[in-house]
C-alpha cells in the first residue's frame, strides 16, 4: 500500500494501530514499529481492512491480469487494483462515504 492510500484511510477515520506495527512515510520509507512522527500513517493488514468493512464486505476476487476487486452486498464493487489490500481499502473508503 502506498502512502496516499494509507493517508486517505487515516483521514477517513480508520484505526491507526492493529495487528502489525507497519507505518509508511510520505517519501515511501516504511518503519515496522510505532512512531510519534505525525507524517507517518499506519498500514493496515488485509484482515484488518476486511473486519473494518463489517457486514458491508461480500467478497474479494482476482480478475483479468491478476487485478483485484472487492465487492460489497450494497454495491457492485471497486475498480480493479494491483493488490487485494488496495481493493479492500478502497471498498472501506466507499462504504464510509469517502
PDB file of N, CA and C in Angstrom:
ATOM      1  N   UNK A   1       0.841  -1.168   0.000  1.00  0.00           N
ATOM      2  CA  UNK A   1       0.000   0.000   0.000  1.00  0.00           C
ATOM      3  C   UNK A   1       0.895   1.242   0.000  1.00  0.00           C
ATOM      4  N   UNK A   2       0.492   2.233  -0.778  1.00  0.00           N
ATOM      5  CA  UNK A   2       1.299   3.447  -0.831  1.00  0.00           C
ATOM      6  C   UNK A   2       0.834   4.453   0.224  1.00  0.00           C
ATOM      7  N   UNK A   3       1.627   5.481   0.398  1.00  0.00           N
ATOM      8  CA  UNK A   3       1.358   6.497   1.422  1.00  0.00           C
ATOM      9  C   UNK A   3       0.021   7.195   1.199  1.00  0.00           C
ATOM     10  N   UNK A   4      -0.277   7.562  -0.039  1.00  0.00           N
ATOM     11  CA  UNK A   4      -1.503   8.312  -0.305  1.00  0.00           C
ATOM     12  C   UNK A   4      -2.754   7.538   0.115  1.00  0.00           C
ATOM     13  N   UNK A   5      -2.801   6.255  -0.178  1.00  0.00           N
ATOM     14  CA  UNK A   5      -3.953   5.442   0.205  1.00  0.00           C
ATOM     15  C   UNK A   5      -4.006   5.283   1.721  1.00  0.00           C
ATOM     16  N   UNK A   6      -2.878   5.018   2.345  1.00  0.00           N
ATOM     17  CA  UNK A   6      -2.845   4.881   3.807  1.00  0.00           C
ATOM     18  C   UNK A   6      -3.285   6.180   4.480  1.00  0.00           C
ATOM     19  N   UNK A   7      -2.898   7.317   3.921  1.00  0.00           N
ATOM     20  CA  UNK A   7      -3.285   8.611   4.490  1.00  0.00           C
ATOM     21  C   UNK A   7      -4.788   8.840   4.333  1.00  0.00           C
ATOM     22  N   UNK A   8      -5.349   8.461   3.190  1.00  0.00           N
ATOM     23  CA  UNK A   8      -6.798   8.575   2.989  1.00  0.00           C
ATOM     24  C   UNK A   8      -7.548   7.763   4.046  1.00  0.00           C
ATOM     25  N   UNK A   9      -7.051   6.563   4.325  1.00  0.00           N
ATOM     26  CA  UNK A   9      -7.686   5.721   5.337  1.00  0.00           C
ATOM     27  C   UNK A   9      -7.639   6.399   6.705  1.00  0.00           C
ATOM     28  N   UNK A  10      -6.489   6.959   7.034  1.00  0.00           N
ATOM     29  CA  UNK A  10      -6.347   7.650   8.321  1.00  0.00           C
ATOM     30  C   UNK A  10      -7.302   8.828   8.408  1.00  0.00           C
ATOM     31  N   UNK A  11      -7.324   9.649   7.367  1.00  0.00           N
ATOM     32  CA  UNK A  11      -8.180  10.837   7.358  1.00  0.00           C
ATOM     33  C   UNK A  11      -9.663  10.481   7.412  1.00  0.00           C
ATOM     34  N   UNK A  12     -10.010   9.289   6.920  1.00  0.00           N
ATOM     35  CA  UNK A  12     -11.405   8.840   6.932  1.00  0.00           C
ATOM     36  C   UNK A  12     -11.782   8.172   8.250  1.00  0.00           C
ATOM     37  N   UNK A  13     -10.802   8.014   9.150  1.00  0.00           N
ATOM     38  CA  UNK A  13     -11.112   7.503  10.469  1.00  0.00           C
ATOM     39  C   UNK A  13     -10.755   6.063  10.756  1.00  0.00           C
ATOM     40  N   UNK A  14     -10.000   5.412   9.878  1.00  0.00           N
ATOM     41  CA  UNK A  14      -9.588   4.032  10.152  1.00  0.00           C
ATOM     42  C   UNK A  14      -8.602   4.012  11.316  1.00  0.00           C
ATOM     43  N   UNK A  15      -8.754   3.017  12.187  1.00  0.00           N
ATOM     44  CA  UNK A  15      -7.841   2.845  13.335  1.00  0.00           C
ATOM     45  C   UNK A  15      -6.392   2.933  12.876  1.00  0.00           C
ATOM     46  N   UNK A  16      -5.546   3.524  13.701  1.00  0.00           N
ATOM     47  CA  UNK A  16      -4.144   3.700  13.349  1.00  0.00           C
ATOM     48  C   UNK A  16      -3.210   2.800  14.142  1.00  0.00           C
ATOM     49  N   UNK A  17      -3.733   1.692  14.615  1.00  0.00           N
ATOM     50  CA  UNK A  17      -2.894   0.653  15.212  1.00  0.00           C
ATOM     51  C   UNK A  17      -3.632  -0.667  15.048  1.00  0.00           C
ATOM     52  N   UNK A  18      -2.883  -1.751  15.097  1.00  0.00           N
ATOM     53  CA  UNK A  18      -3.524  -3.042  14.889  1.00  0.00           C
ATOM     54  C   UNK A  18      -2.563  -4.189  15.018  1.00  0.00           C
ATOM     55  N   UNK A  19      -2.786  -5.226  14.191  1.00  0.00           N
ATOM     56  CA  UNK A  19      -2.029  -6.475  14.244  1.00  0.00           C
ATOM     57  C   UNK A  19      -0.537  -6.278  14.054  1.00  0.00           C
ATOM     58  N   UNK A  20      -0.204  -5.410  13.127  1.00  0.00           N
ATOM     59  CA  UNK A  20       1.212  -5.211  12.813  1.00  0.00           C
ATOM     60  C   UNK A  20       1.618  -3.806  13.202  1.00  0.00           C
ATOM     61  N   UNK A  21       2.848  -3.566  13.231  1.00  0.00           N
ATOM     62  CA  UNK A  21       3.365  -2.228  13.513  1.00  0.00           C
ATOM     63  C   UNK A  21       4.107  -1.754  12.273  1.00  0.00           C
ATOM     64  N   UNK A  22       3.365  -1.489  11.209  1.00  0.00           N
ATOM     65  CA  UNK A  22       3.985  -1.014   9.973  1.00  0.00           C
ATOM     66  C   UNK A  22       3.435   0.366   9.650  1.00  0.00           C
ATOM     67  N   UNK A  23       4.334   1.304   9.495  1.00  0.00           N
ATOM     68  CA  UNK A  23       3.979   2.684   9.194  1.00  0.00           C
ATOM     69  C   UNK A  23       4.720   3.109   7.936  1.00  0.00           C
ATOM     70  N   UNK A  24       4.084   3.989   7.171  1.00  0.00           N
ATOM     71  CA  UNK A  24       4.699   4.477   5.946  1.00  0.00           C
ATOM     72  C   UNK A  24       4.768   6.004   6.009  1.00  0.00           C
ATOM     73  N   UNK A  25       5.834   6.542   5.428  1.00  0.00           N
ATOM     74  CA  UNK A  25       6.092   7.979   5.422  1.00  0.00           C
ATOM     75  C   UNK A  25       5.847   8.535   4.020  1.00  0.00           C
ATOM     76  N   UNK A  26       5.682   9.858   3.899  1.00  0.00           N
ATOM     77  CA  UNK A  26       5.430  10.460   2.588  1.00  0.00           C
ATOM     78  C   UNK A  26       6.470  10.105   1.526  1.00  0.00           C
ATOM     79  N   UNK A  27       7.699   9.864   1.927  1.00  0.00           N
ATOM     80  CA  UNK A  27       8.748   9.523   0.958  1.00  0.00           C
ATOM     81  C   UNK A  27       8.761   8.033   0.593  1.00  0.00           C
ATOM     82  N   UNK A  28       7.785   7.262   1.119  1.00  0.00           N
ATOM     83  CA  UNK A  28       7.694   5.837   0.810  1.00  0.00           C
ATOM     84  C   UNK A  28       8.448   4.937   1.774  1.00  0.00           C
ATOM     85  N   UNK A  29       9.264   5.541   2.622  1.00  0.00           N
ATOM     86  CA  UNK A  29      10.015   4.774   3.623  1.00  0.00           C
ATOM     87  C   UNK A  29       9.039   4.121   4.587  1.00  0.00           C
ATOM     88  N   UNK A  30       9.334   2.879   4.989  1.00  0.00           N
ATOM     89  CA  UNK A  30       8.478   2.165   5.930  1.00  0.00           C
ATOM     90  C   UNK A  30       9.227   1.881   7.217  1.00  0.00           C
ATOM     91  N   UNK A  31       8.484   1.822   8.299  1.00  0.00           N
ATOM     92  CA  UNK A  31       9.059   1.555   9.616  1.00  0.00           C
ATOM     93  C   UNK A  31       8.177   0.514  10.288  1.00  0.00           C
ATOM     94  N   UNK A  32       8.783  -0.525  10.834  1.00  0.00           N
ATOM     95  CA  UNK A  32       7.992  -1.617  11.414  1.00  0.00           C
ATOM     96  C   UNK A  32       7.884  -1.545  12.933  1.00  0.00           C
ATOM     97  N   UNK A  33       7.762  -0.355  13.461  1.00  0.00           N
ATOM     98  CA  UNK A  33       7.484  -0.159  14.876  1.00  0.00           C
ATOM     99  C   UNK A  33       6.799   1.192  15.036  1.00  0.00           C
ATOM    100  N   UNK A  34       6.113   1.366  16.160  1.00  0.00           N
ATOM    101  CA  UNK A  34       5.335   2.583  16.406  1.00  0.00           C
ATOM    102  C   UNK A  34       6.214   3.823  16.320  1.00  0.00           C
ATOM    103  N   UNK A  35       5.634   4.889  15.809  1.00  0.00           N
ATOM    104  CA  UNK A  35       6.337   6.160  15.708  1.00  0.00           C
ATOM    105  C   UNK A  35       5.409   7.289  16.123  1.00  0.00           C
ATOM    106  N   UNK A  36       5.972   8.318  16.688  1.00  0.00           N
ATOM    107  CA  UNK A  36       5.195   9.512  17.037  1.00  0.00           C
ATOM    108  C   UNK A  36       5.289  10.569  15.941  1.00  0.00           C
ATOM    109  N   UNK A  37       5.984  10.254  14.875  1.00  0.00           N
ATOM    110  CA  UNK A  37       6.100  11.167  13.741  1.00  0.00           C
ATOM    111  C   UNK A  37       4.709  11.340  13.119  1.00  0.00           C
ATOM    112  N   UNK A  38       4.203  12.550  13.097  1.00  0.00           N
ATOM    113  CA  UNK A  38       2.838  12.808  12.636  1.00  0.00           C
ATOM    114  C   UNK A  38       2.661  12.635  11.130  1.00  0.00           C
ATOM    115  N   UNK A  39       3.748  12.566  10.384  1.00  0.00           N
ATOM    116  CA  UNK A  39       3.625  12.342   8.946  1.00  0.00           C
ATOM    117  C   UNK A  39       3.430  10.861   8.623  1.00  0.00           C
ATOM    118  N   UNK A  40       3.857   9.981   9.506  1.00  0.00           N
ATOM    119  CA  UNK A  40       3.736   8.541   9.269  1.00  0.00           C
ATOM    120  C   UNK A  40       2.292   8.100   9.471  1.00  0.00           C
ATOM    121  N   UNK A  41       1.850   7.163   8.648  1.00  0.00           N
ATOM    122  CA  UNK A  41       0.500   6.613   8.783  1.00  0.00           C
ATOM    123  C   UNK A  41       0.571   5.090   8.842  1.00  0.00           C
ATOM    124  N   UNK A  42      -0.370   4.517   9.546  1.00  0.00           N
ATOM    125  CA  UNK A  42      -0.428   3.072   9.738  1.00  0.00           C
ATOM    126  C   UNK A  42      -0.831   2.371   8.443  1.00  0.00           C
ATOM    127  N   UNK A  43      -0.219   1.225   8.178  1.00  0.00           N
ATOM    128  CA  UNK A  43      -0.565   0.399   7.026  1.00  0.00           C
ATOM    129  C   UNK A  43      -1.319  -0.820   7.556  1.00  0.00           C
ATOM    130  N   UNK A  44      -2.650  -0.856   7.374  1.00  0.00           N
ATOM    131  CA  UNK A  44      -3.427  -1.971   7.906  1.00  0.00           C
ATOM    132  C   UNK A  44      -3.216  -3.253   7.099  1.00  0.00           C
ATOM    133  N   UNK A  45      -3.450  -4.384   7.754  1.00  0.00           N
ATOM    134  CA  UNK A  45      -3.374  -5.670   7.075  1.00  0.00           C
ATOM    135  C   UNK A  45      -4.673  -5.906   6.310  1.00  0.00           C
ATOM    136  N   UNK A  46      -4.648  -6.870   5.416  1.00  0.00           N
ATOM    137  CA  UNK A  46      -5.839  -7.235   4.664  1.00  0.00           C
ATOM    138  C   UNK A  46      -6.956  -7.669   5.613  1.00  0.00           C
ATOM    139  N   UNK A  47      -6.635  -8.479   6.599  1.00  0.00           N
ATOM    140  CA  UNK A  47      -7.669  -8.949   7.526  1.00  0.00           C
ATOM    141  C   UNK A  47      -8.252  -7.801   8.343  1.00  0.00           C
ATOM    142  N   UNK A  48      -7.450  -6.820   8.718  1.00  0.00           N
ATOM    143  CA  UNK A  48      -7.965  -5.653   9.441  1.00  0.00           C
ATOM    144  C   UNK A  48      -8.944  -4.868   8.570  1.00  0.00           C
ATOM    145  N   UNK A  49      -8.610  -4.731   7.300  1.00  0.00           N
ATOM    146  CA  UNK A  49      -9.486  -3.997   6.399  1.00  0.00           C
ATOM    147  C   UNK A  49     -10.806  -4.728   6.183  1.00  0.00           C
ATOM    148  N   UNK A  50     -10.740  -6.041   6.023  1.00  0.00           N
ATOM    149  CA  UNK A  50     -11.965  -6.823   5.849  1.00  0.00           C
ATOM    150  C   UNK A  50     -12.849  -6.678   7.086  1.00  0.00           C
ATOM    151  N   UNK A  51     -12.259  -6.799   8.260  1.00  0.00           N
ATOM    152  CA  UNK A  51     -13.023  -6.633   9.506  1.00  0.00           C
ATOM    153  C   UNK A  51     -13.604  -5.233   9.617  1.00  0.00           C
ATOM    154  N   UNK A  52     -12.854  -4.222   9.210  1.00  0.00           N
ATOM    155  CA  UNK A  52     -13.323  -2.841   9.298  1.00  0.00           C
ATOM    156  C   UNK A  52     -14.522  -2.593   8.377  1.00  0.00           C
ATOM    157  N   UNK A  53     -14.616  -3.338   7.294  1.00  0.00           N
ATOM    158  CA  UNK A  53     -15.760  -3.206   6.379  1.00  0.00           C
ATOM    159  C   UNK A  53     -17.039  -3.773   6.991  1.00  0.00           C
ATOM    160  N   UNK A  54     -16.885  -4.549   8.055  1.00  0.00           N
ATOM    161  CA  UNK A  54     -18.000  -5.180   8.766  1.00  0.00           C
ATOM    162  C   UNK A  54     -18.887  -5.946   7.794  1.00  0.00           C
ATOM    163  N   UNK A  55     -20.201  -5.815   7.922  1.00  0.00           N
ATOM    164  CA  UNK A  55     -21.088  -6.610   7.072  1.00  0.00           C
ATOM    165  C   UNK A  55     -21.212  -6.060   5.658  1.00  0.00           C
ATOM    166  N   UNK A  56     -20.521  -4.955   5.361  1.00  0.00           N
ATOM    167  CA  UNK A  56     -20.515  -4.418   4.011  1.00  0.00           C
ATOM    168  C   UNK A  56     -19.649  -5.215   3.050  1.00  0.00           C
ATOM    169  N   UNK A  57     -18.679  -5.958   3.596  1.00  0.00           N
ATOM    170  CA  UNK A  57     -17.789  -6.763   2.755  1.00  0.00           C
ATOM    171  C   UNK A  57     -18.511  -8.022   2.296  1.00  0.00           C
ATOM    172  N   UNK A  58     -18.418  -8.306   0.988  1.00  0.00           N
ATOM    173  CA  UNK A  58     -19.036  -9.520   0.457  1.00  0.00           C
ATOM    174  C   UNK A  58     -17.993 -10.505  -0.046  1.00  0.00           C
ATOM    175  N   UNK A  59     -17.090 -10.036  -0.933  1.00  0.00           N
ATOM    176  CA  UNK A  59     -16.084 -10.953  -1.466  1.00  0.00           C
ATOM    177  C   UNK A  59     -14.905 -10.197  -2.058  1.00  0.00           C
ATOM    178  N   UNK A  60     -13.862 -10.954  -2.316  1.00  0.00           N
ATOM    179  CA  UNK A  60     -12.647 -10.436  -2.926  1.00  0.00           C
ATOM    180  C   UNK A  60     -12.303 -11.387  -4.058  1.00  0.00           C
ATOM    181  N   UNK A  61     -12.129 -10.840  -5.248  1.00  0.00           N
ATOM    182  CA  UNK A  61     -11.889 -11.692  -6.412  1.00  0.00           C
ATOM    183  C   UNK A  61     -10.706 -11.188  -7.222  1.00  0.00           C
ATOM    184  N   UNK A  62     -10.011 -12.156  -7.825  1.00  0.00           N
ATOM    185  CA  UNK A  62      -8.921 -11.821  -8.749  1.00  0.00           C
ATOM    186  C   UNK A  62      -9.482 -11.909 -10.156  1.00  0.00           C
ATOM    187  N   UNK A  63      -9.248 -10.859 -10.925  1.00  0.00           N
ATOM    188  CA  UNK A  63      -9.797 -10.813 -12.272  1.00  0.00           C
ATOM    189  C   UNK A  63      -8.729 -10.866 -13.339  1.00  0.00           C
ATOM    190  N   UNK A  64      -9.072 -10.322 -14.466  1.00  0.00           N
ATOM    191  CA  UNK A  64      -8.193 -10.287 -15.624  1.00  0.00           C
ATOM    192  C   UNK A  64      -6.888  -9.569 -15.281  1.00  0.00           C
ATOM    193  N   UNK A  65      -5.773 -10.120 -15.727  1.00  0.00           N
ATOM    194  CA  UNK A  65      -4.474  -9.502 -15.499  1.00  0.00           C
ATOM    195  C   UNK A  65      -4.030  -9.530 -14.051  1.00  0.00           C
ATOM    196  N   UNK A  66      -4.565 -10.490 -13.270  1.00  0.00           N
ATOM    197  CA  UNK A  66      -4.239 -10.624 -11.842  1.00  0.00           C
ATOM    198  C   UNK A  66      -4.545  -9.373 -11.047  1.00  0.00           C
ATOM    199  N   UNK A  67      -5.547  -8.613 -11.462  1.00  0.00           N
ATOM    200  CA  UNK A  67      -6.004  -7.441 -10.718  1.00  0.00           C
ATOM    201  C   UNK A  67      -7.103  -7.881  -9.758  1.00  0.00           C
ATOM    202  N   UNK A  68      -7.272  -7.134  -8.670  1.00  0.00           N
ATOM    203  CA  UNK A  68      -8.212  -7.487  -7.609  1.00  0.00           C
ATOM    204  C   UNK A  68      -9.386  -6.530  -7.550  1.00  0.00           C
ATOM    205  N   UNK A  69     -10.551  -7.072  -7.194  1.00  0.00           N
ATOM    206  CA  UNK A  69     -11.750  -6.279  -6.975  1.00  0.00           C
ATOM    207  C   UNK A  69     -12.394  -6.741  -5.669  1.00  0.00           C
ATOM    208  N   UNK A  70     -12.819  -5.795  -4.851  1.00  0.00           N
ATOM    209  CA  UNK A  70     -13.534  -6.099  -3.608  1.00  0.00           C
ATOM    210  C   UNK A  70     -14.998  -5.751  -3.827  1.00  0.00           C
ATOM    211  N   UNK A  71     -15.862  -6.659  -3.411  1.00  0.00           N
ATOM    212  CA  UNK A  71     -17.290  -6.484  -3.637  1.00  0.00           C
ATOM    213  C   UNK A  71     -18.050  -6.352  -2.332  1.00  0.00           C
ATOM    214  N   UNK A  72     -19.128  -5.596  -2.400  1.00  0.00           N
ATOM    215  CA  UNK A  72     -19.994  -5.375  -1.254  1.00  0.00           C
ATOM    216  C   UNK A  72     -21.397  -5.817  -1.618  1.00  0.00           C
ATOM    217  N   UNK A  73     -22.175  -6.207  -0.624  1.00  0.00           N
ATOM    218  CA  UNK A  73     -23.564  -6.545  -0.907  1.00  0.00           C
ATOM    219  C   UNK A  73     -24.392  -5.295  -1.170  1.00  0.00           C
ATOM    220  N   UNK A  74     -23.836  -4.126  -0.923  1.00  0.00           N
ATOM    221  CA  UNK A  74     -24.562  -2.875  -1.112  1.00  0.00           C
ATOM    222  C   UNK A  74     -24.268  -2.209  -2.458  1.00  0.00           C
ATOM    223  N   UNK A  75     -23.276  -2.698  -3.182  1.00  0.00           N
ATOM    224  CA  UNK A  75     -22.909  -2.090  -4.458  1.00  0.00           C
ATOM    225  C   UNK A  75     -22.164  -3.113  -5.300  1.00  0.00           C
ATOM    226  N   UNK A  76     -21.828  -2.776  -6.513  1.00  0.00           N
ATOM    227  CA  UNK A  76     -21.138  -3.710  -7.388  1.00  0.00           C
ATOM    228  C   UNK A  76     -19.711  -3.996  -6.942  1.00  0.00           C
ATOM    229  N   UNK A  77     -18.965  -2.961  -6.621  1.00  0.00           N
ATOM    230  CA  UNK A  77     -17.592  -3.184  -6.192  1.00  0.00           C
ATOM    231  C   UNK A  77     -16.657  -2.079  -6.588  1.00  0.00           C
ATOM    232  N   UNK A  78     -15.411  -2.265  -6.229  1.00  0.00           N
ATOM    233  CA  UNK A  78     -14.385  -1.283  -6.526  1.00  0.00           C
ATOM    234  C   UNK A  78     -13.878  -1.498  -7.945  1.00  0.00           C
ATOM    235  N   UNK A  79     -13.137  -0.542  -8.478  1.00  0.00           N
ATOM    236  CA  UNK A  79     -12.401  -0.821  -9.715  1.00  0.00           C
ATOM    237  C   UNK A  79     -11.349  -1.903  -9.414  1.00  0.00           C
ATOM    238  N   UNK A  80     -10.645  -2.337 -10.418  1.00  0.00           N
ATOM    239  CA  UNK A  80      -9.597  -3.347 -10.214  1.00  0.00           C
ATOM    240  C   UNK A  80      -8.321  -2.670  -9.729  1.00  0.00           C
ATOM    241  N   UNK A  81      -7.632  -3.332  -8.785  1.00  0.00           N
ATOM    242  CA  UNK A  81      -6.393  -2.821  -8.210  1.00  0.00           C
ATOM    243  C   UNK A  81      -5.308  -3.888  -8.280  1.00  0.00           C
ATOM    244  N   UNK A  82      -4.058  -3.453  -8.144  1.00  0.00           N
ATOM    245  CA  UNK A  82      -2.923  -4.369  -8.216  1.00  0.00           C
ATOM    246  C   UNK A  82      -2.853  -5.346  -7.051  1.00  0.00           C
ATOM    247  N   UNK A  83      -3.378  -4.953  -5.888  1.00  0.00           N
ATOM    248  CA  UNK A  83      -3.309  -5.848  -4.733  1.00  0.00           C
ATOM    249  C   UNK A  83      -4.676  -5.993  -4.077  1.00  0.00           C
ATOM    250  N   UNK A  84      -4.861  -7.101  -3.391  1.00  0.00           N
ATOM    251  CA  UNK A  84      -6.095  -7.347  -2.654  1.00  0.00           C
ATOM    252  C   UNK A  84      -6.274  -6.296  -1.567  1.00  0.00           C
ATOM    253  N   UNK A  85      -5.191  -5.926  -0.916  1.00  0.00           N
ATOM    254  CA  UNK A  85      -5.252  -4.930   0.156  1.00  0.00           C
ATOM    255  C   UNK A  85      -5.749  -3.590  -0.369  1.00  0.00           C
ATOM    256  N   UNK A  86      -5.260  -3.170  -1.518  1.00  0.00           N
ATOM    257  CA  UNK A  86      -5.711  -1.902  -2.112  1.00  0.00           C
ATOM    258  C   UNK A  86      -7.199  -1.961  -2.456  1.00  0.00           C
ATOM    259  N   UNK A  87      -7.646  -3.084  -2.987  1.00  0.00           N
ATOM    260  CA  UNK A  87      -9.054  -3.223  -3.356  1.00  0.00           C
ATOM    261  C   UNK A  87      -9.953  -3.112  -2.128  1.00  0.00           C
ATOM    262  N   UNK A  88      -9.600  -3.805  -1.046  1.00  0.00           N
ATOM    263  CA  UNK A  88     -10.430  -3.761   0.166  1.00  0.00           C
ATOM    264  C   UNK A  88     -10.325  -2.391   0.847  1.00  0.00           C
ATOM    265  N   UNK A  89      -9.156  -1.773   0.812  1.00  0.00           N
ATOM    266  CA  UNK A  89      -9.002  -0.425   1.376  1.00  0.00           C
ATOM    267  C   UNK A  89      -9.932   0.551   0.660  1.00  0.00           C
ATOM    268  N   UNK A  90      -9.995   0.459  -0.638  1.00  0.00           N
ATOM    269  CA  UNK A  90     -10.870   1.348  -1.404  1.00  0.00           C
ATOM    270  C   UNK A  90     -12.339   1.021  -1.179  1.00  0.00           C
ATOM    271  N   UNK A  91     -12.668  -0.240  -0.964  1.00  0.00           N
ATOM    272  CA  UNK A  91     -14.037  -0.604  -0.616  1.00  0.00           C
ATOM    273  C   UNK A  91     -14.405   0.014   0.731  1.00  0.00           C
ATOM    274  N   UNK A  92     -13.493  -0.050   1.703  1.00  0.00           N
ATOM    275  CA  UNK A  92     -13.753   0.559   3.012  1.00  0.00           C
ATOM    276  C   UNK A  92     -14.030   2.051   2.863  1.00  0.00           C
ATOM    277  N   UNK A  93     -13.243   2.725   2.023  1.00  0.00           N
ATOM    278  CA  UNK A  93     -13.449   4.151   1.808  1.00  0.00           C
ATOM    279  C   UNK A  93     -14.837   4.424   1.210  1.00  0.00           C
ATOM    280  N   UNK A  94     -15.248   3.605   0.249  1.00  0.00           N
ATOM    281  CA  UNK A  94     -16.568   3.777  -0.362  1.00  0.00           C
ATOM    282  C   UNK A  94     -17.665   3.510   0.667  1.00  0.00           C
ATOM    283  N   UNK A  95     -17.521   2.450   1.446  1.00  0.00           N
ATOM    284  CA  UNK A  95     -18.528   2.122   2.455  1.00  0.00           C
ATOM    285  C   UNK A  95     -18.645   3.212   3.511  1.00  0.00           C
ATOM    286  N   UNK A  96     -17.567   3.944   3.723  1.00  0.00           N
ATOM    287  CA  UNK A  96     -17.558   5.010   4.722  1.00  0.00           C
ATOM    288  C   UNK A  96     -17.686   6.398   4.077  1.00  0.00           C
ATOM    289  N   UNK A  97     -18.213   6.386   2.850  1.00  0.00           N
ATOM    290  CA  UNK A  97     -18.530   7.630   2.114  1.00  0.00           C
ATOM    291  C   UNK A  97     -17.352   8.567   1.915  1.00  0.00           C
ATOM    292  N   UNK A  98     -16.203   7.990   1.537  1.00  0.00           N
ATOM    293  CA  UNK A  98     -15.019   8.825   1.266  1.00  0.00           C
ATOM    294  C   UNK A  98     -14.481   8.522  -0.116  1.00  0.00           C
TER     295      UNK A  98
END
